[in-house]
Amino acid sequence: MPITLDPSAAAVIKAFREAGRPPLDTLTPAEARSASALGRPIVQPEPREMKSVEDISAPASHGAIPLRVYKPHTLPQTGVPAGLVFYHGGGWTICDLDYYDVVCRQIADEARMIVMSVDYRLAPENKFPAGADDAIAATKWIAANAATLGFDPAKMFIGGDSAGGNLAAVVAIHARDKNGPAIAGQVLIYPSVDARRTHASHSDPETSVLLTHAMTKYFFGHYLNGPADVDDWRASPGRVKNLQGLPEAFVITARADPLHDEGEEFAQRLRDAGVKVTYKTYPGQFHGFMTMGRLIPEANQLVSEIAAWLKQRG
């Protein structure tokens, strides 16, 4: 079925093409990171004021994992607030705390909760499973230090978009199988959950929009060590046979996205396993639109929906 982009999405794609921006898969990882950082202020809204934003770190076997902690001006009047551990997207290769600063502020403000953003190691300098290891280690440390960070460990949520959605799914499965930490819910935003890239949306020309089919190959090529990693559950959490006992999930997909079908399938498999799932698709949007709230109204709508889901449960 043909995909019709929302007017906002179509305008962004038109502007990108007219600007002659080189596809990320034609750049080195360092060049791709620079290009992404340069485009950030053009597409993102102004950052919201916070009560505090603090850069800290979690210890790990290889060294410190940088974290950024967001505390909004308004928190619940009674009880200890909830917390969200957020893992950013970028194909495990690009983006950082700064790129997701605006989104984390939006969620913290609207959900009235503490948000902790994790700056996991990037590929290709740090190959798989470095990103997954950092996400797991950082989440364990955050849970153990919840009192100091100011949130209730019984109300710790996890979430991320794209590669970050992959990491959130991995953290949830690891926590289930390794006796914690307790996770109240997971937010999976157009997640990458199957490194095989064999779902129909990976070959549909209609989905090769902002994140193209070539780019998915580029990112996995930098992240994974070789073909054997595709079968590792930490690269393909959507292929884990037993999904029972995982935390409640909010799964979001975009129709004009190579990852659409695997995200939709994962939501259904979670539901079939008895996991409570809220599923939402954006039929006229492309992969990565959430961070483009200056240009795409639907991005701000999505962030508000995520915040409302978290607030209701926190």
C-alpha atoms as a PDB file:
ATOM      1  CA  MET A   1       0.000   0.000   0.000  1.00  0.00           C
ATOM      2  CA  PRO A   2       1.442   3.416  -0.953  1.00  0.00           C
ATOM      3  CA  ILE A   3       2.604   5.571   1.937  1.00  0.00           C
ATOM      4  CA  THR A   4       1.522   9.199   1.994  1.00  0.00           C
ATOM      5  CA  LEU A   5       3.798  11.361   4.110  1.00  0.00           C
ATOM      6  CA  ASP A   6       2.277  13.951   6.403  1.00  0.00           C
ATOM      7  CA  PRO A   7       2.743  17.466   4.940  1.00  0.00           C
ATOM      8  CA  SER A   8       5.294  18.247   7.652  1.00  0.00           C
ATOM      9  CA  ALA A   9       7.330  15.130   6.879  1.00  0.00           C
ATOM     10  CA  ALA A  10       7.151  15.704   3.123  1.00  0.00           C
ATOM     11  CA  ALA A  11       8.362  19.282   3.574  1.00  0.00           C
ATOM     12  CA  VAL A  12      11.364  18.143   5.632  1.00  0.00           C
ATOM     13  CA  ILE A  13      12.365  15.502   3.105  1.00  0.00           C
ATOM     14  CA  LYS A  14      12.003  18.026   0.272  1.00  0.00           C
ATOM     15  CA  ALA A  15      14.188  20.535   2.126  1.00  0.00           C
ATOM     16  CA  PHE A  16      16.847  17.916   2.858  1.00  0.00           C
ATOM     17  CA  ARG A  17      16.979  16.848  -0.781  1.00  0.00           C
ATOM     18  CA  GLU A  18      17.132  20.412  -2.065  1.00  0.00           C
ATOM     19  CA  ALA A  19      19.959  21.166   0.361  1.00  0.00           C
ATOM     20  CA  GLY A  20      21.970  18.361  -1.233  1.00  0.00           C
ATOM     21  CA  ARG A  21      22.834  16.727   2.059  1.00  0.00           C
ATOM     22  CA  PRO A  22      24.985  13.632   1.438  1.00  0.00           C
ATOM     23  CA  PRO A  23      23.472  10.386   2.750  1.00  0.00           C
ATOM     24  CA  LEU A  24      25.042   9.372   6.038  1.00  0.00           C
ATOM     25  CA  ASP A  25      26.070   6.020   4.608  1.00  0.00           C
ATOM     26  CA  THR A  26      28.450   7.842   2.234  1.00  0.00           C
ATOM     27  CA  LEU A  27      30.284   9.450   5.174  1.00  0.00           C
ATOM     28  CA  THR A  28      32.745   8.180   7.719  1.00  0.00           C
ATOM     29  CA  PRO A  29      31.292   7.772  11.224  1.00  0.00           C
ATOM     30  CA  ALA A  30      33.137  10.926  12.344  1.00  0.00           C
ATOM     31  CA  GLU A  31      31.726  12.871   9.395  1.00  0.00           C
ATOM     32  CA  ALA A  32      28.247  11.483  10.038  1.00  0.00           C
ATOM     33  CA  ARG A  33      28.421  12.596  13.669  1.00  0.00           C
ATOM     34  CA  SER A  34      29.455  16.109  12.645  1.00  0.00           C
ATOM     35  CA  ALA A  35      26.706  16.336  10.021  1.00  0.00           C
ATOM     36  CA  SER A  36      24.118  15.180  12.526  1.00  0.00           C
ATOM     37  CA  ALA A  37      25.269  17.696  15.141  1.00  0.00           C
ATOM     38  CA  LEU A  38      25.209  20.566  12.644  1.00  0.00           C
ATOM     39  CA  GLY A  39      21.618  19.799  11.679  1.00  0.00           C
ATOM     40  CA  ARG A  40      20.339  19.540  15.238  1.00  0.00           C
ATOM     41  CA  PRO A  41      19.480  23.214  15.898  1.00  0.00           C
ATOM     42  CA  ILE A  42      17.668  23.461  12.572  1.00  0.00           C
ATOM     43  CA  VAL A  43      15.146  20.729  13.339  1.00  0.00           C
ATOM     44  CA  GLN A  44      14.776  20.812  17.138  1.00  0.00           C
ATOM     45  CA  PRO A  45      12.662  23.187  19.231  1.00  0.00           C
ATOM     46  CA  GLU A  46      14.087  25.391  21.950  1.00  0.00           C
ATOM     47  CA  PRO A  47      15.112  23.446  25.062  1.00  0.00           C
ATOM     48  CA  ARG A  48      12.768  23.689  28.021  1.00  0.00           C
ATOM     49  CA  GLU A  49      13.990  25.093  31.294  1.00  0.00           C
ATOM     50  CA  MET A  50      14.721  22.537  33.986  1.00  0.00           C
ATOM     51  CA  LYS A  51      15.187  22.865  37.712  1.00  0.00           C
ATOM     52  CA  SER A  52      18.547  21.196  37.176  1.00  0.00           C
ATOM     53  CA  VAL A  53      20.539  19.398  34.508  1.00  0.00           C
ATOM     54  CA  GLU A  54      23.572  17.553  35.796  1.00  0.00           C
ATOM     55  CA  ASP A  55      26.254  15.576  33.988  1.00  0.00           C
ATOM     56  CA  ILE A  56      27.448  12.642  36.078  1.00  0.00           C
ATOM     57  CA  SER A  57      28.780   9.170  35.320  1.00  0.00           C
ATOM     58  CA  ALA A  58      28.227   5.549  36.203  1.00  0.00           C
ATOM     59  CA  PRO A  59      31.255   3.321  36.857  1.00  0.00           C
ATOM     60  CA  ALA A  60      31.881   0.408  34.498  1.00  0.00           C
ATOM     61  CA  SER A  61      34.658  -2.131  33.926  1.00  0.00           C
ATOM     62  CA  HIS A  62      36.055  -0.123  30.998  1.00  0.00           C
ATOM     63  CA  GLY A  63      35.705   3.261  32.735  1.00  0.00           C
ATOM     64  CA  ALA A  64      32.945   5.788  33.325  1.00  0.00           C
ATOM     65  CA  ILE A  65      29.646   5.870  31.395  1.00  0.00           C
ATOM     66  CA  PRO A  66      28.498   9.500  31.054  1.00  0.00           C
ATOM     67  CA  LEU A  67      24.945  10.256  32.171  1.00  0.00           C
ATOM     68  CA  ARG A  68      22.815  13.397  32.127  1.00  0.00           C
ATOM     69  CA  VAL A  69      20.165  13.825  34.817  1.00  0.00           C
ATOM     70  CA  TYR A  70      17.127  16.060  34.207  1.00  0.00           C
ATOM     71  CA  LYS A  71      14.984  17.319  37.071  1.00  0.00           C
ATOM     72  CA  PRO A  72      11.963  19.384  36.015  1.00  0.00           C
ATOM     73  CA  HIS A  73      10.575  22.344  37.942  1.00  0.00           C
ATOM     74  CA  THR A  74       7.333  20.483  38.667  1.00  0.00           C
ATOM     75  CA  LEU A  75       7.270  17.038  40.273  1.00  0.00           C
ATOM     76  CA  PRO A  76       4.359  15.188  41.925  1.00  0.00           C
ATOM     77  CA  GLN A  77       3.271  16.896  45.129  1.00  0.00           C
ATOM     78  CA  THR A  78       3.153  13.633  47.032  1.00  0.00           C
ATOM     79  CA  GLY A  79       5.452  10.635  47.012  1.00  0.00           C
ATOM     80  CA  VAL A  80       8.800  10.090  45.348  1.00  0.00           C
ATOM     81  CA  PRO A  81       8.839  10.778  41.581  1.00  0.00           C
ATOM     82  CA  ALA A  82       9.324   8.143  38.919  1.00  0.00           C
ATOM     83  CA  GLY A  83      12.430   7.916  36.757  1.00  0.00           C
ATOM     84  CA  LEU A  84      13.106   7.204  33.090  1.00  0.00           C
ATOM     85  CA  VAL A  85      16.415   5.786  31.875  1.00  0.00           C
ATOM     86  CA  PHE A  86      16.752   6.906  28.241  1.00  0.00           C
ATOM     87  CA  TYR A  87      19.036   5.418  25.583  1.00  0.00           C
ATOM     88  CA  HIS A  88      19.478   7.588  22.499  1.00  0.00           C
ATOM     89  CA  GLY A  89      19.226   6.508  18.881  1.00  0.00           C
ATOM     90  CA  GLY A  90      21.733   6.895  16.057  1.00  0.00           C
ATOM     91  CA  GLY A  91      22.482   3.381  14.824  1.00  0.00           C
ATOM     92  CA  TRP A  92      24.880   2.785  17.762  1.00  0.00           C
ATOM     93  CA  THR A  93      27.244   4.980  15.704  1.00  0.00           C
ATOM     94  CA  ILE A  94      26.135   8.628  15.847  1.00  0.00           C
ATOM     95  CA  CYS A  95      24.323  11.035  18.222  1.00  0.00           C
ATOM     96  CA  ASP A  96      24.942  11.715  21.901  1.00  0.00           C
ATOM     97  CA  LEU A  97      23.542  13.337  25.033  1.00  0.00           C
ATOM     98  CA  ASP A  98      23.396  16.736  23.359  1.00  0.00           C
ATOM     99  CA  TYR A  99      21.395  15.481  20.383  1.00  0.00           C
ATOM    100  CA  TYR A 100      18.675  14.158  22.708  1.00  0.00           C
ATOM    101  CA  ASP A 101      18.830  16.969  25.239  1.00  0.00           C
ATOM    102  CA  VAL A 102      15.646  18.650  23.969  1.00  0.00           C
ATOM    103  CA  VAL A 103      13.609  15.420  23.938  1.00  0.00           C
ATOM    104  CA  CYS A 104      14.748  14.459  27.435  1.00  0.00           C
ATOM    105  CA  ARG A 105      13.776  17.894  28.738  1.00  0.00           C
ATOM    106  CA  GLN A 106      10.364  17.615  27.085  1.00  0.00           C
ATOM    107  CA  ILE A 107       9.679  14.217  28.630  1.00  0.00           C
ATOM    108  CA  ALA A 108      10.906  15.252  32.083  1.00  0.00           C
ATOM    109  CA  ASP A 109       8.766  18.386  31.998  1.00  0.00           C
ATOM    110  CA  GLU A 110       5.562  16.803  30.737  1.00  0.00           C
ATOM    111  CA  ALA A 111       5.817  13.500  32.617  1.00  0.00           C
ATOM    112  CA  ARG A 112       6.936  15.255  35.819  1.00  0.00           C
ATOM    113  CA  MET A 113       9.666  12.734  36.417  1.00  0.00           C
ATOM    114  CA  ILE A 114      13.451  12.420  36.616  1.00  0.00           C
ATOM    115  CA  VAL A 115      15.064  11.509  33.288  1.00  0.00           C
ATOM    116  CA  MET A 116      18.540  10.005  33.059  1.00  0.00           C
ATOM    117  CA  SER A 117      20.097   9.895  29.593  1.00  0.00           C
ATOM    118  CA  VAL A 118      22.842   7.318  28.958  1.00  0.00           C
ATOM    119  CA  ASP A 119      25.844   8.119  26.741  1.00  0.00           C
ATOM    120  CA  TYR A 120      26.858   4.562  25.851  1.00  0.00           C
ATOM    121  CA  ARG A 121      29.988   3.849  23.816  1.00  0.00           C
ATOM    122  CA  LEU A 122      29.617   4.204  20.051  1.00  0.00           C
ATOM    123  CA  ALA A 123      30.719   2.024  17.155  1.00  0.00           C
ATOM    124  CA  PRO A 124      32.866   1.389  15.223  1.00  0.00           C
ATOM    125  CA  GLU A 125      35.384   2.387  17.884  1.00  0.00           C
ATOM    126  CA  ASN A 126      33.451   0.186  20.317  1.00  0.00           C
ATOM    127  CA  LYS A 127      31.884  -2.788  18.597  1.00  0.00           C
ATOM    128  CA  PHE A 128      28.947  -4.908  19.717  1.00  0.00           C
ATOM    129  CA  PRO A 129      28.090  -5.627  22.477  1.00  0.00           C
ATOM    130  CA  ALA A 130      29.658  -2.465  23.970  1.00  0.00           C
ATOM    131  CA  GLY A 131      26.477  -0.400  23.620  1.00  0.00           C
ATOM    132  CA  ALA A 132      24.343  -3.126  25.176  1.00  0.00           C
ATOM    133  CA  ASP A 133      26.850  -3.701  27.984  1.00  0.00           C
ATOM    134  CA  ASP A 134      26.876   0.013  28.811  1.00  0.00           C
ATOM    135  CA  ALA A 135      23.080   0.258  28.781  1.00  0.00           C
ATOM    136  CA  ILE A 136      22.814  -2.686  31.188  1.00  0.00           C
ATOM    137  CA  ALA A 137      25.594  -1.462  33.479  1.00  0.00           C
ATOM    138  CA  ALA A 138      24.295   2.107  33.583  1.00  0.00           C
ATOM    139  CA  THR A 139      20.752   0.956  34.355  1.00  0.00           C
ATOM    140  CA  LYS A 140      21.923  -1.243  37.212  1.00  0.00           C
ATOM    141  CA  TRP A 141      23.917   1.640  38.694  1.00  0.00           C
ATOM    142  CA  ILE A 142      21.030   4.083  38.284  1.00  0.00           C
ATOM    143  CA  ALA A 143      18.646   1.689  40.052  1.00  0.00           C
ATOM    144  CA  ALA A 144      21.109   1.156  42.901  1.00  0.00           C
ATOM    145  CA  ASN A 145      21.513   4.925  43.307  1.00  0.00           C
ATOM    146  CA  ALA A 146      17.881   5.906  42.881  1.00  0.00           C
ATOM    147  CA  ALA A 147      17.661   7.596  46.276  1.00  0.00           C
ATOM    148  CA  THR A 148      20.605   9.864  45.491  1.00  0.00           C
ATOM    149  CA  LEU A 149      19.239  10.605  42.026  1.00  0.00           C
ATOM    150  CA  GLY A 150      15.854  11.473  43.513  1.00  0.00           C
ATOM    151  CA  PHE A 151      13.465   8.876  42.101  1.00  0.00           C
ATOM    152  CA  ASP A 152      11.620   5.794  43.298  1.00  0.00           C
ATOM    153  CA  PRO A 153      13.392   2.599  42.115  1.00  0.00           C
ATOM    154  CA  ALA A 154      10.013   0.831  42.092  1.00  0.00           C
ATOM    155  CA  LYS A 155       8.952   3.309  39.410  1.00  0.00           C
ATOM    156  CA  MET A 156      11.946   3.078  37.093  1.00  0.00           C
ATOM    157  CA  PHE A 157      11.057   3.076  33.409  1.00  0.00           C
ATOM    158  CA  ILE A 158      13.376   2.571  30.453  1.00  0.00           C
ATOM    159  CA  GLY A 159      13.096   3.771  26.867  1.00  0.00           C
ATOM    160  CA  GLY A 160      14.778   4.845  23.691  1.00  0.00           C
ATOM    161  CA  ASP A 161      14.379   5.301  19.977  1.00  0.00           C
ATOM    162  CA  SER A 162      15.803   3.220  17.119  1.00  0.00           C
ATOM    163  CA  ALA A 163      19.131   1.835  18.384  1.00  0.00           C
ATOM    164  CA  GLY A 164      18.074   3.120  21.795  1.00  0.00           C
ATOM    165  CA  GLY A 165      14.861   1.127  21.467  1.00  0.00           C
ATOM    166  CA  ASN A 166      17.003  -1.921  20.821  1.00  0.00           C
ATOM    167  CA  LEU A 167      18.981  -1.201  23.984  1.00  0.00           C
ATOM    168  CA  ALA A 168      15.820  -0.700  26.041  1.00  0.00           C
ATOM    169  CA  ALA A 169      14.465  -4.067  24.871  1.00  0.00           C
ATOM    170  CA  VAL A 170      17.816  -5.687  25.690  1.00  0.00           C
ATOM    171  CA  VAL A 171      17.896  -4.144  29.166  1.00  0.00           C
ATOM    172  CA  ALA A 172      14.345  -5.354  29.863  1.00  0.00           C
ATOM    173  CA  ILE A 173      15.147  -8.931  28.828  1.00  0.00           C
ATOM    174  CA  HIS A 174      18.428  -8.947  30.746  1.00  0.00           C
ATOM    175  CA  ALA A 175      16.730  -7.624  33.886  1.00  0.00           C
ATOM    176  CA  ARG A 176      14.048 -10.334  33.650  1.00  0.00           C
ATOM    177  CA  ASP A 177      16.593 -13.104  33.235  1.00  0.00           C
ATOM    178  CA  LYS A 178      19.229 -11.848  35.695  1.00  0.00           C
ATOM    179  CA  ASN A 179      17.024 -10.938  38.670  1.00  0.00           C
ATOM    180  CA  GLY A 180      16.702  -7.224  38.152  1.00  0.00           C
ATOM    181  CA  PRO A 181      16.718  -4.395  38.492  1.00  0.00           C
ATOM    182  CA  ALA A 182      12.948  -3.974  38.581  1.00  0.00           C
ATOM    183  CA  ILE A 183      11.576  -2.146  35.552  1.00  0.00           C
ATOM    184  CA  ALA A 184       8.107  -0.598  35.643  1.00  0.00           C
ATOM    185  CA  GLY A 185       7.709  -0.217  31.884  1.00  0.00           C
ATOM    186  CA  GLN A 186       9.522   0.166  28.580  1.00  0.00           C
ATOM    187  CA  VAL A 187       9.055   2.743  25.822  1.00  0.00           C
ATOM    188  CA  LEU A 188      10.243   1.436  22.454  1.00  0.00           C
ATOM    189  CA  ILE A 189      10.229   4.158  19.804  1.00  0.00           C
ATOM    190  CA  TYR A 190      10.570   2.745  16.269  1.00  0.00           C
ATOM    191  CA  PRO A 191      12.961   0.151  17.749  1.00  0.00           C
ATOM    192  CA  SER A 192      15.535  -1.926  15.913  1.00  0.00           C
ATOM    193  CA  VAL A 193      14.867  -5.446  17.174  1.00  0.00           C
ATOM    194  CA  ASP A 194      15.974  -7.786  14.367  1.00  0.00           C
ATOM    195  CA  ALA A 195      19.458  -7.453  12.870  1.00  0.00           C
ATOM    196  CA  ARG A 196      18.572  -9.788  10.006  1.00  0.00           C
ATOM    197  CA  ARG A 197      16.772  -6.882   8.254  1.00  0.00           C
ATOM    198  CA  THR A 198      14.515  -9.375   6.436  1.00  0.00           C
ATOM    199  CA  HIS A 199      11.070  -7.947   7.232  1.00  0.00           C
ATOM    200  CA  ALA A 200       9.157  -6.653   4.223  1.00  0.00           C
ATOM    201  CA  SER A 201       9.609  -3.005   5.220  1.00  0.00           C
ATOM    202  CA  HIS A 202      13.359  -3.414   4.768  1.00  0.00           C
ATOM    203  CA  SER A 203      12.892  -3.900   1.022  1.00  0.00           C
ATOM    204  CA  ASP A 204       9.846  -1.716   0.374  1.00  0.00           C
ATOM    205  CA  PRO A 205      10.898   1.380  -1.657  1.00  0.00           C
ATOM    206  CA  GLU A 206       8.171   3.362   0.139  1.00  0.00           C
ATOM    207  CA  THR A 207       9.967   3.020   3.489  1.00  0.00           C
ATOM    208  CA  SER A 208      13.445   4.080   2.351  1.00  0.00           C
ATOM    209  CA  VAL A 209      12.914   7.739   3.239  1.00  0.00           C
ATOM    210  CA  LEU A 210      15.143   9.395   5.854  1.00  0.00           C
ATOM    211  CA  LEU A 211      16.588   6.182   7.273  1.00  0.00           C
ATOM    212  CA  THR A 212      17.225   4.389   3.994  1.00  0.00           C
ATOM    213  CA  HIS A 213      17.756   0.696   3.473  1.00  0.00           C
ATOM    214  CA  ALA A 214      21.417   1.430   2.714  1.00  0.00           C
ATOM    215  CA  MET A 215      21.785   3.271   6.020  1.00  0.00           C
ATOM    216  CA  THR A 216      20.524   0.326   8.053  1.00  0.00           C
ATOM    217  CA  LYS A 217      23.234  -1.795   6.449  1.00  0.00           C
ATOM    218  CA  TYR A 218      25.785   0.964   7.174  1.00  0.00           C
ATOM    219  CA  PHE A 219      24.903   1.175  10.861  1.00  0.00           C
ATOM    220  CA  PHE A 220      24.866  -2.573  11.456  1.00  0.00           C
ATOM    221  CA  GLY A 221      28.117  -2.847   9.523  1.00  0.00           C
ATOM    222  CA  HIS A 222      29.779  -0.495  11.984  1.00  0.00           C
ATOM    223  CA  TYR A 223      28.145  -1.945  15.102  1.00  0.00           C
ATOM    224  CA  LEU A 224      28.377  -5.692  14.607  1.00  0.00           C
ATOM    225  CA  ASN A 225      31.611  -7.670  14.442  1.00  0.00           C
ATOM    226  CA  GLY A 226      30.340 -10.002  11.735  1.00  0.00           C
ATOM    227  CA  PRO A 227      27.420 -12.172  10.575  1.00  0.00           C
ATOM    228  CA  ALA A 228      27.435 -14.307  13.728  1.00  0.00           C
ATOM    229  CA  ASP A 229      26.363 -11.319  15.831  1.00  0.00           C
ATOM    230  CA  VAL A 230      23.057 -11.103  13.954  1.00  0.00           C
ATOM    231  CA  ASP A 231      21.853 -14.170  15.873  1.00  0.00           C
ATOM    232  CA  ASP A 232      22.863 -12.801  19.277  1.00  0.00           C
ATOM    233  CA  TRP A 233      19.751 -11.786  21.211  1.00  0.00           C
ATOM    234  CA  ARG A 234      21.394  -8.513  22.238  1.00  0.00           C
ATOM    235  CA  ALA A 235      21.511  -7.517  18.557  1.00  0.00           C
ATOM    236  CA  SER A 236      18.116  -9.049  17.779  1.00  0.00           C
ATOM    237  CA  PRO A 237      15.961  -8.906  20.937  1.00  0.00           C
ATOM    238  CA  GLY A 238      12.887  -9.348  18.738  1.00  0.00           C
ATOM    239  CA  ARG A 239      14.011 -12.905  18.049  1.00  0.00           C
ATOM    240  CA  VAL A 240      14.026 -13.971  21.699  1.00  0.00           C
ATOM    241  CA  LYS A 241      11.623 -16.921  21.884  1.00  0.00           C
ATOM    242  CA  ASN A 242      10.240 -16.295  25.354  1.00  0.00           C
ATOM    243  CA  LEU A 243       8.894 -12.785  25.920  1.00  0.00           C
ATOM    244  CA  GLN A 244       6.784 -13.672  28.946  1.00  0.00           C
ATOM    245  CA  GLY A 245       7.298 -11.706  32.118  1.00  0.00           C
ATOM    246  CA  LEU A 246       8.644  -8.566  30.457  1.00  0.00           C
ATOM    247  CA  PRO A 247       7.509  -5.141  31.673  1.00  0.00           C
ATOM    248  CA  GLU A 248       4.557  -3.322  30.171  1.00  0.00           C
ATOM    249  CA  ALA A 249       5.470  -1.699  26.871  1.00  0.00           C
ATOM    250  CA  PHE A 250       4.582   1.328  24.792  1.00  0.00           C
ATOM    251  CA  VAL A 251       5.713   0.562  21.230  1.00  0.00           C
ATOM    252  CA  ILE A 252       5.702   3.272  18.562  1.00  0.00           C
ATOM    253  CA  THR A 253       6.384   2.823  14.851  1.00  0.00           C
ATOM    254  CA  ALA A 254       6.481   5.080  11.798  1.00  0.00           C
ATOM    255  CA  ARG A 255       5.055   3.700   8.570  1.00  0.00           C
ATOM    256  CA  ALA A 256       7.718   5.239   6.272  1.00  0.00           C
ATOM    257  CA  ASP A 257      10.465   3.388   8.104  1.00  0.00           C
ATOM    258  CA  PRO A 258      12.482   0.269   7.250  1.00  0.00           C
ATOM    259  CA  LEU A 259      12.031  -0.788  10.899  1.00  0.00           C
ATOM    260  CA  HIS A 260       8.228  -0.544  10.824  1.00  0.00           C
ATOM    261  CA  ASP A 261       7.398  -4.217  10.382  1.00  0.00           C
ATOM    262  CA  GLU A 262       9.790  -5.580  12.991  1.00  0.00           C
ATOM    263  CA  GLY A 263       8.531  -3.053  15.545  1.00  0.00           C
ATOM    264  CA  GLU A 264       4.908  -3.916  14.818  1.00  0.00           C
ATOM    265  CA  GLU A 265       5.656  -7.639  15.003  1.00  0.00           C
ATOM    266  CA  PHE A 266       7.520  -7.231  18.299  1.00  0.00           C
ATOM    267  CA  ALA A 267       4.557  -5.398  19.819  1.00  0.00           C
ATOM    268  CA  GLN A 268       2.267  -8.245  18.780  1.00  0.00           C
ATOM    269  CA  ARG A 269       4.651 -10.907  20.082  1.00  0.00           C
ATOM    270  CA  LEU A 270       4.840  -9.120  23.428  1.00  0.00           C
ATOM    271  CA  ARG A 271       1.052  -9.006  23.539  1.00  0.00           C
ATOM    272  CA  ASP A 272       0.815 -12.695  22.623  1.00  0.00           C
ATOM    273  CA  ALA A 273       3.196 -13.462  25.500  1.00  0.00           C
ATOM    274  CA  GLY A 274       0.849 -11.802  27.968  1.00  0.00           C
ATOM    275  CA  VAL A 275       2.667  -8.474  28.212  1.00  0.00           C
ATOM    276  CA  LYS A 276       0.438  -5.425  28.388  1.00  0.00           C
ATOM    277  CA  VAL A 277       1.182  -3.362  25.270  1.00  0.00           C
ATOM    278  CA  THR A 278       0.149   0.045  24.030  1.00  0.00           C
ATOM    279  CA  TYR A 279       0.871   0.290  20.313  1.00  0.00           C
ATOM    280  CA  LYS A 280       0.828   3.425  18.181  1.00  0.00           C
ATOM    281  CA  THR A 281       1.889   3.907  14.577  1.00  0.00           C
ATOM    282  CA  TYR A 282       2.364   7.187  12.737  1.00  0.00           C
ATOM    283  CA  PRO A 283       1.212   6.382   9.176  1.00  0.00           C
ATOM    284  CA  GLY A 284       2.623   9.548   7.596  1.00  0.00           C
ATOM    285  CA  GLN A 285       5.984   9.806   9.322  1.00  0.00           C
ATOM    286  CA  PHE A 286       9.520   8.573   8.717  1.00  0.00           C
ATOM    287  CA  HIS A 287      12.124   7.084  11.028  1.00  0.00           C
ATOM    288  CA  GLY A 288      13.699   9.599  13.381  1.00  0.00           C
ATOM    289  CA  PHE A 289      10.961  12.226  13.318  1.00  0.00           C
ATOM    290  CA  MET A 290      10.665  12.480  17.120  1.00  0.00           C
ATOM    291  CA  THR A 291      13.679  14.793  17.407  1.00  0.00           C
ATOM    292  CA  MET A 292      12.384  17.240  14.762  1.00  0.00           C
ATOM    293  CA  GLY A 293       9.793  19.122  16.786  1.00  0.00           C
ATOM    294  CA  ARG A 294      10.728  22.524  15.337  1.00  0.00           C
ATOM    295  CA  LEU A 295       9.568  21.373  11.896  1.00  0.00           C
ATOM    296  CA  ILE A 296       7.240  18.430  12.536  1.00  0.00           C
ATOM    297  CA  PRO A 297       4.237  18.956  14.861  1.00  0.00           C
ATOM    298  CA  GLU A 298       3.721  15.206  15.077  1.00  0.00           C
ATOM    299  CA  ALA A 299       7.091  14.960  16.855  1.00  0.00           C
ATOM    300  CA  ASN A 300       5.821  17.038  19.755  1.00  0.00           C
ATOM    301  CA  GLN A 301       2.585  15.035  19.721  1.00  0.00           C
ATOM    302  CA  LEU A 302       4.599  11.827  20.081  1.00  0.00           C
ATOM    303  CA  VAL A 303       6.677  13.178  22.953  1.00  0.00           C
ATOM    304  CA  SER A 304       3.493  14.286  24.713  1.00  0.00           C
ATOM    305  CA  GLU A 305       1.958  10.837  24.252  1.00  0.00           C
ATOM    306  CA  ILE A 306       5.061   9.193  25.702  1.00  0.00           C
ATOM    307  CA  ALA A 307       5.060  11.603  28.643  1.00  0.00           C
ATOM    308  CA  ALA A 308       1.348  10.997  29.281  1.00  0.00           C
ATOM    309  CA  TRP A 309       1.867   7.215  29.220  1.00  0.00           C
ATOM    310  CA  LEU A 310       4.726   7.512  31.699  1.00  0.00           C
ATOM    311  CA  LYS A 311       2.919   9.991  33.939  1.00  0.00           C
ATOM    312  CA  GLN A 312      -0.140   7.769  34.164  1.00  0.00           C
ATOM    313  CA  ARG A 313       1.992   4.836  35.319  1.00  0.00           C
ATOM    314  CA  GLY A 314       4.505   6.716  37.442  1.00  0.00           C
END
